[in-house]
């Protein structure tokens, strides 16, 4: 496939614009359209809203109410992992009369389908110089067949946005360097730079795409610096905002999940949990062989464009494996898998590839219909689980979308009744042995609820009620506590309710409840340590220019502060 490159007026290499470049045949586009409709239908049939997706929507509600990007009023904690997804939902949330849950579900579905379309057309453009008269949506069958792709398209999480960004960025890159009338290079750089705003780990793909753009466009030193600046301007602007507003270098979720620590064994088990149940090695191997059969030689442009998603997939998967994976089946590996599929989402159709693609088609039917992880029939809230199946069974709704659907979760009615029964400011904690709720007096002018699951509950209670979870997503103290030994992936932190009493309740605590007054007093002493007081101030003090500057400067060291989660363990104040 050796080709002679030409250049545009912008010094952008282009594959030759020759008359033998075939226009896509009607049936190629018909195949693309059919697979997009099938994927949209399959994802819609699995529509739902995850509890973690509802966490995002409470922040969106706070933004729309004028309280800023916070989970609790007056506490600047970044609970959402994807700033761009929060912005998208906040803008669409201005639509009158449409529940935020449905906006999130439908937007995620549209983004997922759009990302698959851009990936398909990117693959079409990639193979265009080979002059094949037809392409088949080969790798797209893998996307349609795997339940995690269908489930997380409408989960309320940023998966749909990730699919759109990955597919769209690669499409822009391929189009930029493969056609004479391709777009200017700066839009490609701008799109590539959005990765950290889509999700922080996607900065890995951003870096690969930007390097490929520089290699293929050869813009010179000044041009390269300009493209890097275009790519970095929005992420850097948000990073300064994060440091000054939230007081941390990284998203709070990274602190909660100890993303800097390595757990290769657990991460490998997470990879196997996705690959093994669906025999995923089979379609990926067949697709790789199919690519090899249509290539006689590979030029630089084709090699670089193919290397972008493949190298991105390797880096993203290695990162997920290193941090120990996740508790949601397949979710964190979907971006890496989609990257790996980008060059083979559509493949040239020949006599040889037709046979190989038939094998992929048969696998897709079997995988979509019967291949499942062993726990999908009885998912539990431990280890890796089928999150959609768990919430569907637990709430009694096949398609739990609205927060009201989650009100049917077995423990939710008692929780809501306890909160409604409070007539004034108080701190509510639960005795987990009896499931009974206790209210303690407080001098703070609001109700504070110490809870665990916080997504649906956060939408079912007033925005003025503060919800502080033991996991640390909305609780800065818990985020800075030490991890649980062998804690569940994604739930490494758990700060007992005694700490919330020490923080918010009126002291001393009366005996006879689910906590000991001595433990509350010990926790109170720990919270008086200067490092922890500084964390509290970074979150709760009014956001003046001085506080913004202090937060920004302190963010370089604040993320390293840890204290024992057990109140009886003495805390050495620095």
Protein backbone atom coordinates (compact mmCIF):
# COMPACT_ATOMS: atom_id res chain seq x y z
CA UNK A 1 0.00 0.00 0.00
CA UNK A 2 2.89 2.38 -0.61
CA UNK A 3 1.52 5.78 -1.55
CA UNK A 4 3.16 9.07 -2.48
CA UNK A 5 1.98 11.80 -0.13
CA UNK A 6 1.08 15.28 -1.25
CA UNK A 7 0.56 18.28 0.95
CA UNK A 8 -2.12 20.87 1.34
CA UNK A 9 -1.47 24.58 1.56
CA UNK A 10 -1.15 24.14 5.33
CA UNK A 11 1.69 21.62 4.96
CA UNK A 12 -0.76 18.91 6.01
CA UNK A 13 0.07 15.54 4.37
CA UNK A 14 -2.80 14.13 2.38
CA UNK A 15 -3.24 10.79 0.73
CA UNK A 16 -3.49 11.17 -3.05
CA UNK A 17 -6.77 12.53 -4.34
CA UNK A 18 -7.04 10.34 -7.44
CA UNK A 19 -10.00 9.40 -9.58
CA UNK A 20 -9.81 5.75 -8.53
CA UNK A 21 -10.86 6.67 -4.97
CA UNK A 22 -14.29 5.02 -4.87
CA UNK A 23 -17.28 6.72 -3.37
CA UNK A 24 -18.82 4.53 -0.67
CA UNK A 25 -21.31 2.19 -2.23
CA UNK A 26 -24.93 2.34 -1.21
CA UNK A 27 -24.83 -1.01 0.54
CA UNK A 28 -21.79 0.04 2.58
CA UNK A 29 -23.76 2.94 4.00
CA UNK A 30 -26.76 0.65 4.39
CA UNK A 31 -24.61 -1.70 6.49
CA UNK A 32 -23.37 1.20 8.59
CA UNK A 33 -26.90 2.50 9.10
CA UNK A 34 -28.21 -0.93 9.99
CA UNK A 35 -25.58 -1.58 12.65
CA UNK A 36 -26.16 1.89 14.15
CA UNK A 37 -29.92 1.25 14.35
CA UNK A 38 -29.33 -2.18 15.90
CA UNK A 39 -26.94 -0.75 18.50
CA UNK A 40 -29.34 2.07 19.35
CA UNK A 41 -32.20 -0.40 19.72
CA UNK A 42 -30.21 -2.81 21.87
CA UNK A 43 -28.97 0.00 24.13
CA UNK A 44 -32.49 1.44 24.46
CA UNK A 45 -33.83 -1.95 25.48
CA UNK A 46 -31.30 -1.87 28.34
CA UNK A 47 -31.98 1.75 29.32
CA UNK A 48 -31.40 2.61 32.96
CA UNK A 49 -29.79 5.13 35.27
CA UNK A 50 -27.07 3.98 37.65
CA UNK A 51 -26.87 5.21 41.21
CA UNK A 52 -23.48 6.73 40.39
CA UNK A 53 -25.10 8.54 37.46
CA UNK A 54 -27.59 10.07 39.87
CA UNK A 55 -24.64 11.43 41.89
CA UNK A 56 -23.75 13.52 38.84
CA UNK A 57 -27.29 14.85 38.61
CA UNK A 58 -27.32 16.23 42.15
CA UNK A 59 -24.33 18.39 41.21
CA UNK A 60 -26.19 19.45 38.05
CA UNK A 61 -29.20 20.39 40.18
CA UNK A 62 -26.97 22.47 42.44
CA UNK A 63 -25.52 24.27 39.42
CA UNK A 64 -28.97 24.99 37.99
CA UNK A 65 -30.09 26.24 41.41
CA UNK A 66 -27.19 28.71 41.48
CA UNK A 67 -25.18 26.94 44.19
CA UNK A 68 -22.16 26.14 42.04
CA UNK A 69 -20.59 22.80 41.00
CA UNK A 70 -20.97 21.17 44.41
CA UNK A 71 -22.77 18.17 45.87
CA UNK A 72 -23.67 19.92 49.13
CA UNK A 73 -24.36 23.62 49.49
CA UNK A 74 -21.41 25.37 51.10
CA UNK A 75 -18.96 22.47 50.57
CA UNK A 76 -16.72 22.62 47.51
CA UNK A 77 -16.08 18.94 46.78
CA UNK A 78 -15.68 17.65 43.21
CA UNK A 79 -17.76 14.48 43.26
CA UNK A 80 -17.99 14.10 39.47
CA UNK A 81 -15.15 12.55 37.49
CA UNK A 82 -16.05 14.12 34.13
CA UNK A 83 -16.21 17.95 34.13
CA UNK A 84 -17.33 18.01 30.50
CA UNK A 85 -20.22 15.59 31.15
CA UNK A 86 -21.35 17.81 34.02
CA UNK A 87 -21.26 20.86 31.72
CA UNK A 88 -23.22 19.07 28.99
CA UNK A 89 -25.96 17.97 31.39
CA UNK A 90 -26.10 21.41 33.02
CA UNK A 91 -26.71 23.06 29.65
CA UNK A 92 -29.30 20.48 28.56
CA UNK A 93 -30.85 20.68 32.02
CA UNK A 94 -32.16 24.12 31.08
CA UNK A 95 -34.77 22.39 28.90
CA UNK A 96 -38.09 23.01 30.64
CA UNK A 97 -40.21 20.14 31.90
CA UNK A 98 -37.78 17.30 31.10
CA UNK A 99 -36.47 15.28 34.07
CA UNK A 100 -32.70 15.35 34.37
CA UNK A 101 -32.64 11.56 34.52
CA UNK A 102 -34.17 11.24 31.06
CA UNK A 103 -31.92 13.98 29.68
CA UNK A 104 -28.91 12.02 30.91
CA UNK A 105 -30.14 8.68 29.57
CA UNK A 106 -31.10 9.96 26.12
CA UNK A 107 -27.97 12.10 25.75
CA UNK A 108 -25.75 9.18 26.66
CA UNK A 109 -27.49 7.02 24.05
CA UNK A 110 -27.21 9.68 21.32
CA UNK A 111 -23.54 10.25 22.12
CA UNK A 112 -22.80 6.51 22.07
CA UNK A 113 -24.43 6.03 18.66
CA UNK A 114 -22.74 9.16 17.30
CA UNK A 115 -19.35 7.95 18.54
CA UNK A 116 -19.89 4.60 16.81
CA UNK A 117 -20.81 6.43 13.60
CA UNK A 118 -17.65 8.55 13.67
CA UNK A 119 -15.60 5.44 14.35
CA UNK A 120 -17.17 3.64 11.38
CA UNK A 121 -16.60 6.56 9.03
CA UNK A 122 -13.05 6.96 10.35
CA UNK A 123 -12.37 3.33 9.45
CA UNK A 124 -13.93 3.86 6.01
CA UNK A 125 -11.61 6.78 5.38
CA UNK A 126 -8.65 4.80 6.68
CA UNK A 127 -9.11 2.06 4.07
CA UNK A 128 -10.25 4.34 1.26
CA UNK A 129 -6.84 4.40 -0.50
CA UNK A 130 -7.01 0.62 -0.91
CA UNK A 131 -9.80 1.13 -3.46
CA UNK A 132 -12.09 -1.58 -2.12
CA UNK A 133 -15.64 -1.14 -3.33
CA UNK A 134 -17.33 -2.17 -0.13
CA UNK A 135 -16.80 -2.31 3.60
CA UNK A 136 -18.58 -4.29 6.28
CA UNK A 137 -19.18 -3.03 9.86
CA UNK A 138 -17.09 -5.85 11.29
CA UNK A 139 -15.76 -4.56 14.60
CA UNK A 140 -19.03 -2.74 15.22
CA UNK A 141 -20.59 -6.16 15.77
CA UNK A 142 -18.44 -6.50 18.89
CA UNK A 143 -19.84 -3.22 20.22
CA UNK A 144 -23.39 -4.40 19.56
CA UNK A 145 -22.83 -7.84 21.06
CA UNK A 146 -21.20 -6.98 24.38
CA UNK A 147 -23.71 -6.21 27.18
CA UNK A 148 -21.41 -3.65 28.90
CA UNK A 149 -21.39 -1.46 25.77
CA UNK A 150 -25.19 -1.56 25.71
CA UNK A 151 -25.64 -1.11 29.45
CA UNK A 152 -23.37 1.88 29.95
CA UNK A 153 -24.62 3.74 26.89
CA UNK A 154 -27.58 4.89 29.02
CA UNK A 155 -26.26 4.62 32.56
CA UNK A 156 -26.07 8.34 33.32
CA UNK A 157 -22.27 8.05 33.49
CA UNK A 158 -19.87 9.63 31.01
CA UNK A 159 -19.46 6.47 28.89
CA UNK A 160 -21.48 7.86 25.97
CA UNK A 161 -19.44 11.05 26.00
CA UNK A 162 -16.23 8.98 26.03
CA UNK A 163 -17.40 6.98 23.01
CA UNK A 164 -18.27 10.19 21.14
CA UNK A 165 -14.96 11.84 22.01
CA UNK A 166 -12.81 8.83 21.10
CA UNK A 167 -14.64 8.19 17.83
CA UNK A 168 -14.87 11.87 16.95
CA UNK A 169 -11.23 12.68 17.72
CA UNK A 170 -9.97 9.76 15.66
CA UNK A 171 -12.35 10.68 12.81
CA UNK A 172 -11.04 14.26 12.81
CA UNK A 173 -7.45 13.02 12.73
CA UNK A 174 -8.07 10.57 9.87
CA UNK A 175 -10.04 13.12 7.87
CA UNK A 176 -7.43 15.81 8.44
CA UNK A 177 -4.56 13.82 6.99
CA UNK A 178 -6.35 11.62 4.44
CA UNK A 179 -8.20 14.16 2.31
CA UNK A 180 -7.10 17.27 0.48
CA UNK A 181 -10.10 19.22 1.73
CA UNK A 182 -9.63 18.04 5.31
CA UNK A 183 -10.07 20.43 8.22
CA UNK A 184 -7.33 22.64 9.57
CA UNK A 185 -5.11 21.05 12.17
CA UNK A 186 -6.06 23.26 15.12
CA UNK A 187 -9.61 21.81 15.50
CA UNK A 188 -8.03 18.35 15.74
CA UNK A 189 -5.68 19.58 18.45
CA UNK A 190 -8.53 21.28 20.30
CA UNK A 191 -10.64 18.11 20.25
CA UNK A 192 -7.71 15.91 21.26
CA UNK A 193 -6.96 18.16 24.22
CA UNK A 194 -10.42 17.63 25.71
CA UNK A 195 -9.50 14.16 26.99
CA UNK A 196 -8.75 15.14 30.61
CA UNK A 197 -12.07 16.99 30.76
CA UNK A 198 -13.95 13.93 29.51
CA UNK A 199 -12.21 11.79 32.11
CA UNK A 200 -8.74 12.34 33.57
CA UNK A 201 -7.22 9.04 32.42
CA UNK A 202 -8.13 9.88 28.81
CA UNK A 203 -5.21 12.32 28.84
CA UNK A 204 -3.27 9.23 27.73
CA UNK A 205 -5.22 9.08 24.46
CA UNK A 206 -4.96 12.86 24.12
CA UNK A 207 -1.19 12.65 24.22
CA UNK A 208 -1.03 9.88 21.62
CA UNK A 209 -3.42 11.69 19.25
CA UNK A 210 -1.54 14.97 19.57
CA UNK A 211 1.83 13.34 18.88
CA UNK A 212 0.34 11.64 15.80
CA UNK A 213 -1.01 14.96 14.56
CA UNK A 214 2.43 16.56 14.88
CA UNK A 215 4.14 13.62 13.16
CA UNK A 216 1.74 13.64 10.22
CA UNK A 217 1.34 17.39 9.76
CA UNK A 218 4.99 18.38 10.33
CA UNK A 219 4.04 21.94 11.29
CA UNK A 220 7.51 23.11 12.34
CA UNK A 221 8.54 24.24 15.82
CA UNK A 222 6.31 27.31 15.98
CA UNK A 223 3.34 25.43 14.57
CA UNK A 224 3.89 22.52 16.95
CA UNK A 225 3.97 24.83 19.96
CA UNK A 226 0.78 26.46 18.72
CA UNK A 227 -1.01 23.12 18.39
CA UNK A 228 0.13 22.05 21.84
CA UNK A 229 -1.15 25.35 23.24
CA UNK A 230 -4.52 24.89 21.55
CA UNK A 231 -4.79 21.37 22.98
CA UNK A 232 -3.79 22.43 26.48
CA UNK A 233 -5.68 25.70 26.95
CA UNK A 234 -9.02 24.29 28.17
CA UNK A 235 -7.61 21.49 30.37
CA UNK A 236 -5.13 23.89 31.96
CA UNK A 237 -7.83 26.49 32.58
CA UNK A 238 -9.98 23.90 34.33
CA UNK A 239 -7.02 22.59 36.29
CA UNK A 240 -6.38 26.06 37.71
CA UNK A 241 -10.08 26.28 38.57
CA UNK A 242 -9.98 22.85 40.25
CA UNK A 243 -6.96 23.77 42.36
CA UNK A 244 -8.36 27.11 43.46
CA UNK A 245 -12.01 26.11 43.86
CA UNK A 246 -11.74 22.58 45.24
CA UNK A 247 -8.22 22.82 46.68
CA UNK A 248 -6.90 19.61 45.08
CA UNK A 249 -4.62 18.74 42.19
CA UNK A 250 -6.77 15.80 41.16
CA UNK A 251 -10.49 15.00 41.16
CA UNK A 252 -11.71 14.00 44.60
CA UNK A 253 -12.66 10.58 43.20
CA UNK A 254 -8.99 9.89 42.46
CA UNK A 255 -8.20 10.60 46.10
CA UNK A 256 -11.06 8.39 47.27
CA UNK A 257 -9.96 5.49 45.09
CA UNK A 258 -6.24 6.03 45.75
CA UNK A 259 -5.56 6.18 42.02
CA UNK A 260 -1.83 6.63 42.61
CA UNK A 261 -1.51 3.16 44.16
CA UNK A 262 -0.97 -0.01 42.11
CA UNK A 263 -2.97 -3.23 42.40
CA UNK A 264 -1.96 -5.26 39.38
CA UNK A 265 -3.41 -8.57 40.57
CA UNK A 266 -6.88 -7.14 41.09
CA UNK A 267 -6.65 -5.25 37.80
CA UNK A 268 -5.73 -8.40 35.91
CA UNK A 269 -8.71 -10.17 37.44
CA UNK A 270 -10.87 -7.27 36.22
CA UNK A 271 -9.55 -7.73 32.67
CA UNK A 272 -10.18 -11.46 32.76
CA UNK A 273 -13.70 -10.78 34.07
CA UNK A 274 -14.44 -8.96 30.80
CA UNK A 275 -12.54 -11.11 28.32
CA UNK A 276 -13.29 -14.61 29.54
CA UNK A 277 -17.12 -14.72 29.75
CA UNK A 278 -17.55 -13.47 26.18
CA UNK A 279 -14.60 -15.32 24.58
CA UNK A 280 -13.48 -11.85 23.56
CA UNK A 281 -10.14 -13.13 22.35
CA UNK A 282 -11.92 -14.88 19.45
CA UNK A 283 -13.39 -11.87 17.56
CA UNK A 284 -10.34 -9.72 18.25
CA UNK A 285 -8.02 -12.38 16.81
CA UNK A 286 -10.22 -12.91 13.76
CA UNK A 287 -10.43 -9.17 13.10
CA UNK A 288 -6.66 -8.85 13.34
CA UNK A 289 -6.23 -11.66 10.79
CA UNK A 290 -8.79 -9.98 8.51
CA UNK A 291 -6.78 -6.76 8.55
CA UNK A 292 -3.60 -8.62 7.69
CA UNK A 293 -5.22 -10.20 4.63
CA UNK A 294 -6.09 -6.86 3.02
CA UNK A 295 -2.72 -5.17 3.50
CA UNK A 296 0.09 -5.79 1.09
CA UNK A 297 2.20 -2.90 2.34
CA UNK A 298 1.71 -0.17 4.93
CA UNK A 299 2.74 3.44 4.41
CA UNK A 300 3.60 5.88 7.16
CA UNK A 301 0.21 7.60 7.22
CA UNK A 302 -1.75 4.36 7.57
CA UNK A 303 0.67 3.07 10.22
CA UNK A 304 0.43 6.21 12.36
CA UNK A 305 -3.35 6.48 12.07
CA UNK A 306 -3.73 2.83 13.09
CA UNK A 307 -1.19 3.15 15.88
CA UNK A 308 -3.12 5.99 17.56
CA UNK A 309 -6.11 3.90 18.76
CA UNK A 310 -4.04 0.74 19.29
CA UNK A 311 -1.44 2.48 21.46
CA UNK A 312 -4.23 4.41 23.19
CA UNK A 313 -5.96 1.12 23.98
CA UNK A 314 -2.78 -0.35 25.44
CA UNK A 315 -2.11 2.68 27.65
CA UNK A 316 -5.70 2.98 28.85
CA UNK A 317 -5.98 -0.72 29.65
CA UNK A 318 -2.64 -0.72 31.48
CA UNK A 319 -3.80 2.20 33.59
CA UNK A 320 -7.06 0.46 34.52
CA UNK A 321 -5.22 -2.77 35.35
CA UNK A 322 -2.65 -0.89 37.42
CA UNK A 323 -5.24 0.84 39.64
CA UNK A 324 -7.10 -2.43 40.21
CA UNK A 325 -10.00 -2.11 37.78
CA UNK A 326 -13.47 -1.27 39.04
CA UNK A 327 -16.49 -2.85 40.69
CA UNK A 328 -18.76 -2.39 37.65
CA UNK A 329 -18.35 -5.24 35.16
CA UNK A 330 -16.42 -4.06 32.12
CA UNK A 331 -17.12 -0.37 32.53
CA UNK A 332 -13.60 1.02 32.97
CA UNK A 333 -12.19 -1.10 30.13
CA UNK A 334 -14.78 -0.02 27.55
CA UNK A 335 -12.77 3.02 26.36
CA UNK A 336 -9.68 0.87 25.79
CA UNK A 337 -11.72 -1.79 23.98
CA UNK A 338 -13.44 0.82 21.79
CA UNK A 339 -10.01 2.27 20.92
CA UNK A 340 -8.76 -1.16 19.94
CA UNK A 341 -11.79 -1.65 17.69
CA UNK A 342 -11.58 1.73 15.94
CA UNK A 343 -9.36 0.57 13.02
CA UNK A 344 -11.53 -2.51 12.49
CA UNK A 345 -15.01 -1.12 13.13
CA UNK A 346 -15.37 -1.38 9.35
CA UNK A 347 -13.22 -3.60 7.13
CA UNK A 348 -12.85 -4.04 3.35
CA UNK A 349 -14.95 -6.92 2.10
CA UNK A 350 -13.12 -9.59 0.09
CA UNK A 351 -13.64 -13.31 -0.37
CA UNK A 352 -11.24 -14.02 2.49
CA UNK A 353 -12.50 -11.35 4.86
CA UNK A 354 -16.11 -12.36 4.17
CA UNK A 355 -15.42 -15.79 5.68
CA UNK A 356 -13.60 -14.28 8.66
CA UNK A 357 -16.34 -11.72 9.23
CA UNK A 358 -18.92 -14.49 9.14
CA UNK A 359 -17.10 -16.02 12.12
CA UNK A 360 -17.33 -12.66 13.94
CA UNK A 361 -21.04 -12.46 13.09
CA UNK A 362 -21.73 -15.93 14.50
CA UNK A 363 -19.78 -15.05 17.66
CA UNK A 364 -21.75 -11.80 18.00
CA UNK A 365 -25.08 -13.65 17.90
CA UNK A 366 -23.92 -16.15 20.52
CA UNK A 367 -22.37 -13.49 22.74
CA UNK A 368 -25.38 -11.17 22.58
CA UNK A 369 -27.80 -13.96 23.33
CA UNK A 370 -26.18 -16.23 25.88
CA UNK A 371 -22.63 -15.37 27.01
CA UNK A 372 -22.66 -13.70 30.43
CA UNK A 373 -20.45 -13.51 33.54
CA UNK A 374 -21.45 -16.13 36.13
CA UNK A 375 -22.77 -13.59 38.64
CA UNK A 376 -25.18 -11.83 36.25
CA UNK A 377 -28.07 -14.06 37.35
CA UNK A 378 -27.62 -13.10 41.02
CA UNK A 379 -25.57 -9.87 41.20
CA UNK A 380 -24.47 -8.69 44.63
CA UNK A 381 -23.03 -5.47 46.03
CA UNK A 382 -19.63 -7.06 46.57
CA UNK A 383 -16.65 -7.59 44.29
CA UNK A 384 -17.18 -7.07 40.56
CA UNK A 385 -20.85 -7.09 39.69
CA UNK A 386 -23.37 -6.55 36.92
CA UNK A 387 -24.42 -3.12 38.14
CA UNK A 388 -27.49 -2.79 35.94
CA UNK A 389 -28.81 -6.24 36.89
CA UNK A 390 -28.20 -5.49 40.57
CA UNK A 391 -30.22 -2.28 40.60
CA UNK A 392 -32.94 -3.69 38.36
CA UNK A 393 -33.46 -6.60 40.77
CA UNK A 394 -33.07 -4.50 43.91
CA UNK A 395 -35.53 -1.77 42.91
CA UNK A 396 -38.04 -4.06 41.23
CA UNK A 397 -37.92 -1.97 38.04
CA UNK A 398 -36.67 -3.43 34.78
CA UNK A 399 -35.64 0.05 33.68
CA UNK A 400 -34.80 2.10 36.79
CA UNK A 401 -34.34 5.59 35.35
CA UNK A 402 -35.94 8.10 37.71
CA UNK A 403 -34.72 8.65 41.24
CA UNK A 404 -38.26 7.74 42.29
CA UNK A 405 -37.64 4.25 40.93
CA UNK A 406 -34.81 3.90 43.44
CA UNK A 407 -37.21 4.86 46.23
CA UNK A 408 -38.38 1.24 46.01
CA UNK A 409 -34.97 -0.06 47.06
CA UNK A 410 -35.65 -2.05 50.28
CA UNK A 411 -33.80 0.25 52.69
CA UNK A 412 -34.77 3.54 51.03
CA UNK A 413 -38.28 4.06 52.55
CA UNK A 414 -36.95 3.87 56.13
CA UNK A 415 -34.14 6.28 55.25
CA UNK A 416 -36.50 8.81 53.69
CA UNK A 417 -38.93 8.48 56.61
CA UNK A 418 -36.12 9.20 59.08
CA UNK A 419 -35.06 12.31 57.17
CA UNK A 420 -38.64 13.60 56.84
CA UNK A 421 -39.23 13.06 60.55
CA UNK A 422 -36.50 15.56 61.48
CA UNK A 423 -38.12 18.92 62.26
CA UNK A 424 -34.98 20.99 62.71
CA UNK A 425 -31.20 20.95 62.28
CA UNK A 426 -29.73 17.58 63.23
CA UNK A 427 -27.14 14.98 62.35
CA UNK A 428 -28.60 11.64 61.24
CA UNK A 429 -26.58 8.45 61.48
CA UNK A 430 -27.59 4.83 61.10
CA UNK A 431 -26.90 1.88 63.36
CA UNK A 432 -25.92 -0.68 60.73
CA UNK A 433 -26.58 -3.60 63.05
CA UNK A 434 -30.25 -2.68 63.58
CA UNK A 435 -30.79 -0.43 60.47
CA UNK A 436 -32.28 2.15 62.85
CA UNK A 437 -31.66 5.88 62.36
CA UNK A 438 -30.65 8.25 65.17
CA UNK A 439 -30.88 12.05 65.14
CA UNK A 440 -28.41 14.11 67.17
CA UNK A 441 -28.71 17.85 67.87
CA UNK A 442 -26.36 20.22 66.07
CA UNK A 443 -25.48 23.90 66.16
CA UNK A 444 -25.20 23.97 62.37
CA UNK A 445 -28.30 25.45 60.66
CA UNK A 446 -29.04 22.43 58.47
CA UNK A 447 -29.65 18.68 58.47
CA UNK A 448 -26.66 16.42 57.82
CA UNK A 449 -27.18 12.79 56.80
CA UNK A 450 -24.31 10.31 57.13
CA UNK A 451 -25.04 7.71 54.47
CA UNK A 452 -23.40 5.21 52.12
CA UNK A 453 -25.32 4.97 48.83
CA UNK A 454 -25.80 8.60 47.85
CA UNK A 455 -26.96 8.87 44.22
CA UNK A 456 -30.70 8.33 44.42
CA UNK A 457 -30.85 9.60 48.00
CA UNK A 458 -29.17 12.83 46.89
CA UNK A 459 -31.98 13.49 44.42
CA UNK A 460 -34.78 12.39 46.73
CA UNK A 461 -33.91 14.83 49.53
CA UNK A 462 -33.80 18.66 49.43
CA UNK A 463 -30.67 20.34 48.11
CA UNK A 464 -30.33 22.12 51.47
CA UNK A 465 -29.85 18.79 53.28
CA UNK A 466 -26.20 17.83 53.39
CA UNK A 467 -25.40 14.25 52.48
CA UNK A 468 -21.95 13.12 53.66
CA UNK A 469 -20.95 9.64 52.57
CA UNK A 470 -18.50 7.39 54.34
CA UNK A 471 -16.85 6.55 51.00
CA UNK A 472 -15.58 10.11 50.66
CA UNK A 473 -17.02 11.19 47.30
CA UNK A 474 -18.85 14.08 48.96
CA UNK A 475 -17.03 13.95 52.29
CA UNK A 476 -13.55 15.52 52.34
CA UNK A 477 -12.68 13.94 55.70
CA UNK A 478 -13.43 10.45 54.45
CA UNK A 479 -11.48 11.12 51.26
CA UNK A 480 -8.36 11.84 53.32
CA UNK A 481 -8.73 8.81 55.61
CA UNK A 482 -6.70 5.63 55.30
CA UNK A 483 -8.01 2.84 53.10
CA UNK A 484 -9.84 -0.26 54.19
CA UNK A 485 -7.72 -3.40 54.14
CA UNK A 486 -8.79 -5.28 50.99
CA UNK A 487 -11.67 -2.88 50.45
CA UNK A 488 -13.93 -3.33 47.44
CA UNK A 489 -12.56 -1.72 44.29
CA UNK A 490 -13.89 1.82 44.06
CA UNK A 491 -14.84 1.72 47.73
CA UNK A 492 -11.43 1.73 49.37
CA UNK A 493 -12.47 4.34 51.96
CA UNK A 494 -15.14 4.08 54.62
CA UNK A 495 -15.28 6.55 57.48
CA UNK A 496 -17.66 5.43 60.27
CA UNK A 497 -20.54 7.77 61.25
CA UNK A 498 -18.76 8.63 64.50
CA UNK A 499 -16.66 11.09 62.52
CA UNK A 500 -19.72 12.97 61.27
CA UNK A 501 -20.94 13.33 64.83
CA UNK A 502 -17.53 14.66 65.83
CA UNK A 503 -17.67 17.10 62.94
CA UNK A 504 -21.25 18.35 63.05
CA UNK A 505 -23.11 17.24 66.19
CA UNK A 506 -23.38 19.18 69.44
CA UNK A 507 -20.87 17.79 71.91
CA UNK A 508 -20.75 15.95 74.22
CA UNK A 509 -22.70 13.05 72.72
CA UNK A 510 -25.20 11.35 74.99
CA UNK A 511 -24.58 7.69 75.77
CA UNK A 512 -27.03 4.98 74.80
CA UNK A 513 -26.90 5.37 71.04
CA UNK A 514 -24.99 3.42 68.40
CA UNK A 515 -21.69 5.22 69.15
CA UNK A 516 -19.59 5.75 72.26
CA UNK A 517 -19.01 9.28 73.52
CA UNK A 518 -15.32 8.44 73.99
CA UNK A 519 -14.96 7.57 70.28
CA UNK A 520 -16.64 10.83 69.27
CA UNK A 521 -14.31 12.76 71.56
CA UNK A 522 -11.26 11.01 70.05
CA UNK A 523 -12.46 11.82 66.56
CA UNK A 524 -12.99 15.43 67.56
CA UNK A 525 -9.36 15.66 68.70
CA UNK A 526 -8.22 14.26 65.36
CA UNK A 527 -10.33 16.78 63.43
CA UNK A 528 -8.60 19.57 65.35
CA UNK A 529 -5.23 18.69 63.78
CA UNK A 530 -3.96 21.64 61.71
CA UNK A 531 -3.73 19.58 58.47
CA UNK A 532 -7.36 18.45 58.77
CA UNK A 533 -8.55 21.90 59.81
CA UNK A 534 -6.86 23.23 56.67
CA UNK A 535 -8.71 20.68 54.55
CA UNK A 536 -12.02 21.73 56.12
CA UNK A 537 -11.23 25.40 55.49
CA UNK A 538 -10.33 24.74 51.85
CA UNK A 539 -13.78 23.27 51.35
CA UNK A 540 -16.05 25.38 53.58
CA UNK A 541 -14.53 28.84 53.88
CA UNK A 542 -16.15 31.51 51.67
CA UNK A 543 -14.48 31.59 48.27
CA UNK A 544 -12.65 34.91 48.35
CA UNK A 545 -9.63 35.75 46.20
CA UNK A 546 -7.40 34.95 49.17
CA UNK A 547 -9.07 31.59 49.74
CA UNK A 548 -8.73 30.75 46.02
CA UNK A 549 -5.00 31.55 46.17
CA UNK A 550 -4.52 29.54 49.39
CA UNK A 551 -6.38 26.60 47.89
CA UNK A 552 -4.31 26.75 44.71
CA UNK A 553 -0.99 26.82 46.55
CA UNK A 554 -2.03 24.23 49.12
CA UNK A 555 -3.34 21.83 46.47
CA UNK A 556 0.23 20.67 45.76
CA UNK A 557 0.49 19.02 49.19
CA UNK A 558 -3.08 18.68 50.45
CA UNK A 559 -3.74 15.48 48.52
CA UNK A 560 -1.08 13.60 50.48
CA UNK A 561 -2.71 14.14 53.90
CA UNK A 562 -4.06 10.93 55.48
CA UNK A 563 -5.35 10.09 58.97
CA UNK A 564 -6.45 6.79 60.57
CA UNK A 565 -10.10 5.95 59.89
CA UNK A 566 -10.47 4.38 63.36
CA UNK A 567 -11.18 7.11 65.89
CA UNK A 568 -9.46 5.29 68.74
CA UNK A 569 -6.11 5.33 66.89
CA UNK A 570 -4.10 8.36 68.00
CA UNK A 571 -3.58 10.93 65.26
CA UNK A 572 -0.19 12.63 65.25
CA UNK A 573 -0.70 16.23 64.24
CA UNK A 574 2.08 17.68 62.15
